[in-house]
Amino acid sequence: MNIDQNDLNVLDEVNKGATMGMDAIEFVEKKVGDEKFRNVLNEEYSKYEEISKRANDIYASYTYKKDPHETGGMNKIMTWWGIQMKAMNDKSNSNLSELLLNGTNMGIIEGRRLLNQNPNINEDIHTLLGDFVKMQEDSVEKLKCYL
C-alpha cells in the first residue's frame, strides 16, 4: 500500500507527539515521591507507548519505507532541561502534574488541528489520531486530580 505525503506528515506528528509524551513522563516520573501518582504516570506512559507502537505498525504496512519520526536529541534535551528548571524547587504533585498538563494540552490542540485540517487522511491514520487525542484528553482528567 502506498502512502501520500500528507498522510505521512500526520502519522509523523502522531508518533512525534507520542514519543514526546513518553520522554516527558520519563523525566517527571523520576521526581515523583508519591507512589499513587507514579503509578498513574506509568499507566499514561504505557498508553503513549501503545500509540507509538500502532504508528510504527502503520509505517510498516506501507510500501514507502521510512523510519518513524520521533523526537530528536535536541528536543529531548530541551524537554529534560525545561522540566529540571521548573521542578528544581518544587517537586510537588501539583507542580509536576501542571508541567505534564501543559504539554498534554499542546498535544490535544495540535491533534484537534490535524483532525480538522485533514478530513481525508487515510482511515487508519485518522483513527489513530482520534484515539491519540482522546487518550490525551483522558490523561488531562487524571492529571487534574493532582493539581
C-alpha atoms as a PDB file:
ATOM      1  CA  MET A   1       0.000   0.000   0.000  1.00  0.00           C
ATOM      2  CA  ASN A   2       1.265   3.476  -0.830  1.00  0.00           C
ATOM      3  CA  ILE A   3       1.135   6.480   1.437  1.00  0.00           C
ATOM      4  CA  ASP A   4       0.751  10.067   0.313  1.00  0.00           C
ATOM      5  CA  GLN A   5       2.876  12.839   1.796  1.00  0.00           C
ATOM      6  CA  ASN A   6       0.028  14.384   3.794  1.00  0.00           C
ATOM      7  CA  ASP A   7      -0.808  11.035   5.439  1.00  0.00           C
ATOM      8  CA  LEU A   8       2.868  10.566   6.220  1.00  0.00           C
ATOM      9  CA  ASN A   9       3.118  14.051   7.762  1.00  0.00           C
ATOM     10  CA  VAL A  10       0.128  13.390  10.033  1.00  0.00           C
ATOM     11  CA  LEU A  11       1.492   9.980  11.029  1.00  0.00           C
ATOM     12  CA  ASP A  12       4.847  11.612  11.798  1.00  0.00           C
ATOM     13  CA  GLU A  13       3.141  14.170  14.048  1.00  0.00           C
ATOM     14  CA  VAL A  14       1.262  11.457  15.950  1.00  0.00           C
ATOM     15  CA  ASN A  15       4.414   9.445  16.520  1.00  0.00           C
ATOM     16  CA  LYS A  16       6.407  12.524  17.479  1.00  0.00           C
ATOM     17  CA  GLY A  17       3.701  13.528  19.972  1.00  0.00           C
ATOM     18  CA  ALA A  18       3.636  10.060  21.497  1.00  0.00           C
ATOM     19  CA  THR A  19       7.407   9.913  21.892  1.00  0.00           C
ATOM     20  CA  MET A  20       7.461  13.425  23.383  1.00  0.00           C
ATOM     21  CA  GLY A  21       4.823  12.325  25.887  1.00  0.00           C
ATOM     22  CA  MET A  22       6.894   9.287  26.846  1.00  0.00           C
ATOM     23  CA  ASP A  23      10.015  11.438  27.221  1.00  0.00           C
ATOM     24  CA  ALA A  24       8.244  13.972  29.454  1.00  0.00           C
ATOM     25  CA  ILE A  25       6.726  11.290  31.680  1.00  0.00           C
ATOM     26  CA  GLU A  26      10.067   9.535  31.954  1.00  0.00           C
ATOM     27  CA  PHE A  27      11.764  12.762  33.092  1.00  0.00           C
ATOM     28  CA  VAL A  28       8.982  13.751  35.514  1.00  0.00           C
ATOM     29  CA  GLU A  29       8.445  10.278  36.972  1.00  0.00           C
ATOM     30  CA  LYS A  30      11.963  10.309  38.423  1.00  0.00           C
ATOM     31  CA  LYS A  31      10.993  13.308  40.560  1.00  0.00           C
ATOM     32  CA  VAL A  32       7.746  11.864  41.927  1.00  0.00           C
ATOM     33  CA  GLY A  33       7.719  10.710  45.533  1.00  0.00           C
ATOM     34  CA  ASP A  34       4.049   9.709  45.670  1.00  0.00           C
ATOM     35  CA  GLU A  35       3.607   6.052  44.674  1.00  0.00           C
ATOM     36  CA  LYS A  36      -0.023   6.530  43.550  1.00  0.00           C
ATOM     37  CA  PHE A  37       0.955   9.418  41.261  1.00  0.00           C
ATOM     38  CA  ARG A  38       3.906   7.402  39.944  1.00  0.00           C
ATOM     39  CA  ASN A  39       1.526   4.546  39.070  1.00  0.00           C
ATOM     40  CA  VAL A  40      -0.748   6.950  37.171  1.00  0.00           C
ATOM     41  CA  LEU A  41       2.257   8.222  35.223  1.00  0.00           C
ATOM     42  CA  ASN A  42       3.359   4.682  34.407  1.00  0.00           C
ATOM     43  CA  GLU A  43      -0.144   3.912  33.089  1.00  0.00           C
ATOM     44  CA  GLU A  44      -0.055   7.058  30.958  1.00  0.00           C
ATOM     45  CA  TYR A  45       3.406   6.140  29.660  1.00  0.00           C
ATOM     46  CA  SER A  46       2.031   2.763  28.550  1.00  0.00           C
ATOM     47  CA  LYS A  47      -0.777   4.495  26.635  1.00  0.00           C
ATOM     48  CA  TYR A  48       1.690   6.725  24.784  1.00  0.00           C
ATOM     49  CA  GLU A  49       3.814   3.665  24.078  1.00  0.00           C
ATOM     50  CA  GLU A  50       0.784   1.863  22.600  1.00  0.00           C
ATOM     51  CA  ILE A  51       0.023   4.832  20.320  1.00  0.00           C
ATOM     52  CA  SER A  52       3.647   4.847  19.133  1.00  0.00           C
ATOM     53  CA  LYS A  53       3.521   1.089  18.505  1.00  0.00           C
ATOM     54  CA  ARG A  54       0.340   1.489  16.452  1.00  0.00           C
ATOM     55  CA  ALA A  55       2.004   4.277  14.444  1.00  0.00           C
ATOM     56  CA  ASN A  56       5.017   2.050  13.825  1.00  0.00           C
ATOM     57  CA  ASP A  57       2.704  -0.729  12.628  1.00  0.00           C
ATOM     58  CA  ILE A  58       1.125   1.681  10.134  1.00  0.00           C
ATOM     59  CA  TYR A  59       4.556   2.789   8.904  1.00  0.00           C
ATOM     60  CA  ALA A  60       5.440  -0.874   8.359  1.00  0.00           C
ATOM     61  CA  SER A  61       2.282  -1.527   6.315  1.00  0.00           C
ATOM     62  CA  TYR A  62       3.231   0.951   3.593  1.00  0.00           C
ATOM     63  CA  THR A  63       5.463   0.210   0.636  1.00  0.00           C
ATOM     64  CA  TYR A  64       7.120   3.601   1.117  1.00  0.00           C
ATOM     65  CA  LYS A  65       9.659   2.712   3.779  1.00  0.00           C
ATOM     66  CA  LYS A  66      10.610   5.447   6.201  1.00  0.00           C
ATOM     67  CA  ASP A  67      11.791   5.414   9.755  1.00  0.00           C
ATOM     68  CA  PRO A  68       9.161   6.661  12.191  1.00  0.00           C
ATOM     69  CA  HIS A  69       9.555  10.297  13.164  1.00  0.00           C
ATOM     70  CA  GLU A  70      10.476  10.505  16.812  1.00  0.00           C
ATOM     71  CA  THR A  71      11.814  13.269  18.971  1.00  0.00           C
ATOM     72  CA  GLY A  72      15.386  14.186  18.216  1.00  0.00           C
ATOM     73  CA  GLY A  73      18.179  14.525  20.719  1.00  0.00           C
ATOM     74  CA  MET A  74      17.860  18.296  20.935  1.00  0.00           C
ATOM     75  CA  ASN A  75      14.127  18.096  21.675  1.00  0.00           C
ATOM     76  CA  LYS A  76      14.800  15.539  24.402  1.00  0.00           C
ATOM     77  CA  ILE A  77      17.426  17.801  25.952  1.00  0.00           C
ATOM     78  CA  MET A  78      15.102  20.815  25.811  1.00  0.00           C
ATOM     79  CA  THR A  79      12.273  18.818  27.424  1.00  0.00           C
ATOM     80  CA  TRP A  80      14.599  17.478  30.118  1.00  0.00           C
ATOM     81  CA  TRP A  81      16.074  20.921  30.774  1.00  0.00           C
ATOM     82  CA  GLY A  82      12.662  22.583  30.982  1.00  0.00           C
ATOM     83  CA  ILE A  83      11.450  20.005  33.498  1.00  0.00           C
ATOM     84  CA  GLN A  84      14.652  20.337  35.525  1.00  0.00           C
ATOM     85  CA  MET A  85      14.272  24.112  35.758  1.00  0.00           C
ATOM     86  CA  LYS A  86      10.558  24.106  36.561  1.00  0.00           C
ATOM     87  CA  ALA A  87      10.857  21.314  39.134  1.00  0.00           C
ATOM     88  CA  MET A  88      14.094  22.455  40.751  1.00  0.00           C
ATOM     89  CA  ASN A  89      12.467  23.987  43.820  1.00  0.00           C
ATOM     90  CA  ASP A  90       9.042  22.349  43.635  1.00  0.00           C
ATOM     91  CA  LYS A  91       8.677  18.602  43.219  1.00  0.00           C
ATOM     92  CA  SER A  92       5.084  18.611  44.446  1.00  0.00           C
ATOM     93  CA  ASN A  93       2.486  16.512  42.668  1.00  0.00           C
ATOM     94  CA  SER A  94       0.714  19.747  41.775  1.00  0.00           C
ATOM     95  CA  ASN A  95       3.713  21.295  40.046  1.00  0.00           C
ATOM     96  CA  LEU A  96       4.737  18.092  38.256  1.00  0.00           C
ATOM     97  CA  SER A  97       1.153  17.491  37.139  1.00  0.00           C
ATOM     98  CA  GLU A  98       0.974  21.040  35.804  1.00  0.00           C
ATOM     99  CA  LEU A  99       4.154  20.516  33.773  1.00  0.00           C
ATOM    100  CA  LEU A 100       2.666  17.430  32.147  1.00  0.00           C
ATOM    101  CA  LEU A 101      -0.716  19.097  31.652  1.00  0.00           C
ATOM    102  CA  ASN A 102       0.873  21.949  29.715  1.00  0.00           C
ATOM    103  CA  GLY A 103       2.485  19.541  27.270  1.00  0.00           C
ATOM    104  CA  THR A 104      -0.601  17.354  27.018  1.00  0.00           C
ATOM    105  CA  ASN A 105      -2.805  20.353  26.263  1.00  0.00           C
ATOM    106  CA  MET A 106      -0.445  21.385  23.454  1.00  0.00           C
ATOM    107  CA  GLY A 107      -0.733  17.851  22.082  1.00  0.00           C
ATOM    108  CA  ILE A 108      -4.536  17.996  22.187  1.00  0.00           C
ATOM    109  CA  ILE A 109      -4.577  21.325  20.369  1.00  0.00           C
ATOM    110  CA  GLU A 110      -2.228  20.050  17.665  1.00  0.00           C
ATOM    111  CA  GLY A 111      -4.170  16.787  17.349  1.00  0.00           C
ATOM    112  CA  ARG A 112      -7.521  18.554  17.003  1.00  0.00           C
ATOM    113  CA  ARG A 113      -5.997  20.908  14.437  1.00  0.00           C
ATOM    114  CA  LEU A 114      -4.695  17.932  12.435  1.00  0.00           C
ATOM    115  CA  LEU A 115      -8.107  16.230  12.583  1.00  0.00           C
ATOM    116  CA  ASN A 116      -9.930  19.373  11.470  1.00  0.00           C
ATOM    117  CA  GLN A 117      -7.491  20.279   8.687  1.00  0.00           C
ATOM    118  CA  ASN A 118      -7.064  16.762   7.307  1.00  0.00           C
ATOM    119  CA  PRO A 119     -10.516  15.184   6.998  1.00  0.00           C
ATOM    120  CA  ASN A 120      -9.461  12.983   4.065  1.00  0.00           C
ATOM    121  CA  ILE A 121      -6.402  11.274   5.535  1.00  0.00           C
ATOM    122  CA  ASN A 122      -6.061   7.510   5.448  1.00  0.00           C
ATOM    123  CA  GLU A 123      -8.693   5.869   7.665  1.00  0.00           C
ATOM    124  CA  ASP A 124      -6.147   4.004   9.831  1.00  0.00           C
ATOM    125  CA  ILE A 125      -4.202   7.208  10.463  1.00  0.00           C
ATOM    126  CA  HIS A 126      -7.399   9.157  11.140  1.00  0.00           C
ATOM    127  CA  THR A 127      -8.488   6.538  13.693  1.00  0.00           C
ATOM    128  CA  LEU A 128      -5.056   6.546  15.339  1.00  0.00           C
ATOM    129  CA  LEU A 129      -5.023  10.336  15.531  1.00  0.00           C
ATOM    130  CA  GLY A 130      -8.528  10.391  17.017  1.00  0.00           C
ATOM    131  CA  ASP A 131      -7.556   7.746  19.581  1.00  0.00           C
ATOM    132  CA  PHE A 132      -4.421   9.712  20.445  1.00  0.00           C
ATOM    133  CA  VAL A 133      -6.368  12.921  21.044  1.00  0.00           C
ATOM    134  CA  LYS A 134      -8.955  11.066  23.153  1.00  0.00           C
ATOM    135  CA  MET A 135      -6.188   9.381  25.164  1.00  0.00           C
ATOM    136  CA  GLN A 136      -4.618  12.774  25.886  1.00  0.00           C
ATOM    137  CA  GLU A 137      -7.990  14.253  26.864  1.00  0.00           C
ATOM    138  CA  ASP A 138      -8.471  11.358  29.312  1.00  0.00           C
ATOM    139  CA  SER A 139      -4.949  11.947  30.608  1.00  0.00           C
ATOM    140  CA  VAL A 140      -5.803  15.584  31.357  1.00  0.00           C
ATOM    141  CA  GLU A 141      -8.671  14.440  33.547  1.00  0.00           C
ATOM    142  CA  LYS A 142      -6.371  12.104  35.508  1.00  0.00           C
ATOM    143  CA  LEU A 143      -3.606  14.695  35.880  1.00  0.00           C
ATOM    144  CA  LYS A 144      -6.013  17.423  37.044  1.00  0.00           C
ATOM    145  CA  CYS A 145      -6.615  15.365  40.199  1.00  0.00           C
ATOM    146  CA  TYR A 146      -3.016  16.072  41.225  1.00  0.00           C
ATOM    147  CA  LEU A 147      -3.105  19.862  40.860  1.00  0.00           C
END
